[in-house]
Amino acid sequence: MPRVRDGKLRALAVMTTKHTPLAPNVPTMQESGVQDYEITVWYGITAPRGTPSAVVARLEREFNAVMRLSDVRERV
C-alpha cells in the first residue's frame, strides 16, 4: 500500500468480497465486473521498472524452482 499511496502502483481491485480498511477506496472484484471471485491469499514478486530482462528471467526461474519444492508448497 505505501507504493499505491505514493503513486508508484495503481490498485485496480481488492480480491475479497468486502472493502478493506487498508484500501477503502479500491473497488472489489465484483464491483469491477468480475462476479464470484474471491482470493484471500496472494503471493507475488515484483521488480523495479527498467530491471534488465535477464534479471527478470532469472528471478522467474528461481521463484518457480522454489515454489516447486514440496516443503514450500506444503507451507504455502
C-alpha atoms as a PDB file:
ATOM      1  CA  MET A   1       0.000   0.000   0.000  1.00  0.00           C
ATOM      2  CA  PRO A   2       2.830   2.502   0.512  1.00  0.00           C
ATOM      3  CA  ARG A   3       3.603   2.318  -3.223  1.00  0.00           C
ATOM      4  CA  VAL A   4      -0.077   2.832  -4.062  1.00  0.00           C
ATOM      5  CA  ARG A   5      -0.259   5.834  -1.739  1.00  0.00           C
ATOM      6  CA  ASP A   6       2.848   7.428  -3.259  1.00  0.00           C
ATOM      7  CA  GLY A   7       1.563   6.858  -6.812  1.00  0.00           C
ATOM      8  CA  LYS A   8       4.124   4.255  -7.922  1.00  0.00           C
ATOM      9  CA  LEU A   9       1.499   1.490  -8.217  1.00  0.00           C
ATOM     10  CA  ARG A  10      -2.198   1.605  -9.010  1.00  0.00           C
ATOM     11  CA  ALA A  11      -4.570  -0.698  -7.151  1.00  0.00           C
ATOM     12  CA  LEU A  12      -7.198  -1.975  -9.574  1.00  0.00           C
ATOM     13  CA  ALA A  13      -9.320  -4.015  -7.170  1.00  0.00           C
ATOM     14  CA  VAL A  14      -9.225  -5.951  -3.930  1.00  0.00           C
ATOM     15  CA  MET A  15      -9.755  -9.678  -4.272  1.00  0.00           C
ATOM     16  CA  THR A  16     -12.071 -10.035  -1.311  1.00  0.00           C
ATOM     17  CA  THR A  17     -15.842  -9.679  -1.338  1.00  0.00           C
ATOM     18  CA  LYS A  18     -15.751  -6.672   1.000  1.00  0.00           C
ATOM     19  CA  HIS A  19     -13.731  -3.480   1.057  1.00  0.00           C
ATOM     20  CA  THR A  20     -10.610  -3.482   3.171  1.00  0.00           C
ATOM     21  CA  PRO A  21      -9.687  -0.747   5.651  1.00  0.00           C
ATOM     22  CA  LEU A  22      -6.213  -0.792   4.074  1.00  0.00           C
ATOM     23  CA  ALA A  23      -7.671   0.458   0.780  1.00  0.00           C
ATOM     24  CA  PRO A  24     -11.209   1.727   1.385  1.00  0.00           C
ATOM     25  CA  ASN A  25     -11.466   3.472  -1.997  1.00  0.00           C
ATOM     26  CA  VAL A  26     -10.334   0.482  -4.072  1.00  0.00           C
ATOM     27  CA  PRO A  27     -13.274  -1.436  -5.584  1.00  0.00           C
ATOM     28  CA  THR A  28     -13.841  -5.135  -5.053  1.00  0.00           C
ATOM     29  CA  MET A  29     -13.506  -7.528  -7.982  1.00  0.00           C
ATOM     30  CA  GLN A  30     -17.305  -7.845  -8.078  1.00  0.00           C
ATOM     31  CA  GLU A  31     -17.660  -4.060  -8.246  1.00  0.00           C
ATOM     32  CA  SER A  32     -15.160  -4.162 -11.116  1.00  0.00           C
ATOM     33  CA  GLY A  33     -17.393  -6.575 -13.027  1.00  0.00           C
ATOM     34  CA  VAL A  34     -15.898  -9.963 -12.086  1.00  0.00           C
ATOM     35  CA  GLN A  35     -18.578 -11.979 -10.303  1.00  0.00           C
ATOM     36  CA  ASP A  36     -17.999 -14.901  -7.910  1.00  0.00           C
ATOM     37  CA  TYR A  37     -14.350 -14.050  -7.342  1.00  0.00           C
ATOM     38  CA  GLU A  38     -12.588 -14.123  -4.001  1.00  0.00           C
ATOM     39  CA  ILE A  39      -8.982 -14.761  -3.067  1.00  0.00           C
ATOM     40  CA  THR A  40      -7.832 -14.213   0.472  1.00  0.00           C
ATOM     41  CA  VAL A  41      -4.142 -15.053  -0.029  1.00  0.00           C
ATOM     42  CA  TRP A  42      -1.943 -13.803  -2.840  1.00  0.00           C
ATOM     43  CA  TYR A  43       1.790 -14.095  -3.406  1.00  0.00           C
ATOM     44  CA  GLY A  44       3.766 -12.158  -5.941  1.00  0.00           C
ATOM     45  CA  ILE A  45       7.174 -10.913  -6.834  1.00  0.00           C
ATOM     46  CA  THR A  46       7.961  -7.519  -8.311  1.00  0.00           C
ATOM     47  CA  ALA A  47      10.949  -5.712  -9.699  1.00  0.00           C
ATOM     48  CA  PRO A  48      11.513  -2.054 -10.487  1.00  0.00           C
ATOM     49  CA  ARG A  49      10.751  -0.751 -13.960  1.00  0.00           C
ATOM     50  CA  GLY A  50      13.848  -0.993 -16.107  1.00  0.00           C
ATOM     51  CA  THR A  51      15.143  -4.157 -14.466  1.00  0.00           C
ATOM     52  CA  PRO A  52      17.180  -5.956 -17.147  1.00  0.00           C
ATOM     53  CA  SER A  53      15.236  -8.774 -18.815  1.00  0.00           C
ATOM     54  CA  ALA A  54      17.978 -11.275 -17.909  1.00  0.00           C
ATOM     55  CA  VAL A  55      17.484 -10.428 -14.226  1.00  0.00           C
ATOM     56  CA  VAL A  56      13.699 -10.730 -14.534  1.00  0.00           C
ATOM     57  CA  ALA A  57      14.088 -14.111 -16.250  1.00  0.00           C
ATOM     58  CA  ARG A  58      16.378 -15.347 -13.506  1.00  0.00           C
ATOM     59  CA  LEU A  59      14.022 -14.152 -10.780  1.00  0.00           C
ATOM     60  CA  GLU A  60      11.194 -16.005 -12.512  1.00  0.00           C
ATOM     61  CA  ARG A  61      13.216 -19.225 -12.843  1.00  0.00           C
ATOM     62  CA  GLU A  62      14.370 -19.144  -9.228  1.00  0.00           C
ATOM     63  CA  PHE A  63      10.940 -18.267  -7.863  1.00  0.00           C
ATOM     64  CA  ASN A  64       9.332 -21.104  -9.831  1.00  0.00           C
ATOM     65  CA  ALA A  65      12.032 -23.538  -8.692  1.00  0.00           C
ATOM     66  CA  VAL A  66      11.425 -22.649  -5.054  1.00  0.00           C
ATOM     67  CA  MET A  67       7.655 -22.940  -5.491  1.00  0.00           C
ATOM     68  CA  ARG A  68       8.097 -26.491  -6.838  1.00  0.00           C
ATOM     69  CA  LEU A  69       9.810 -27.642  -3.614  1.00  0.00           C
ATOM     70  CA  SER A  70       7.417 -29.898  -1.729  1.00  0.00           C
ATOM     71  CA  ASP A  71       8.141 -28.381   1.685  1.00  0.00           C
ATOM     72  CA  VAL A  72       7.497 -24.884   0.351  1.00  0.00           C
ATOM     73  CA  ARG A  73       4.281 -25.976  -1.367  1.00  0.00           C
ATOM     74  CA  GLU A  74       3.054 -27.525   1.893  1.00  0.00           C
ATOM     75  CA  ARG A  75       3.712 -24.331   3.833  1.00  0.00           C
ATOM     76  CA  VAL A  76       2.220 -22.047   1.207  1.00  0.00           C
END
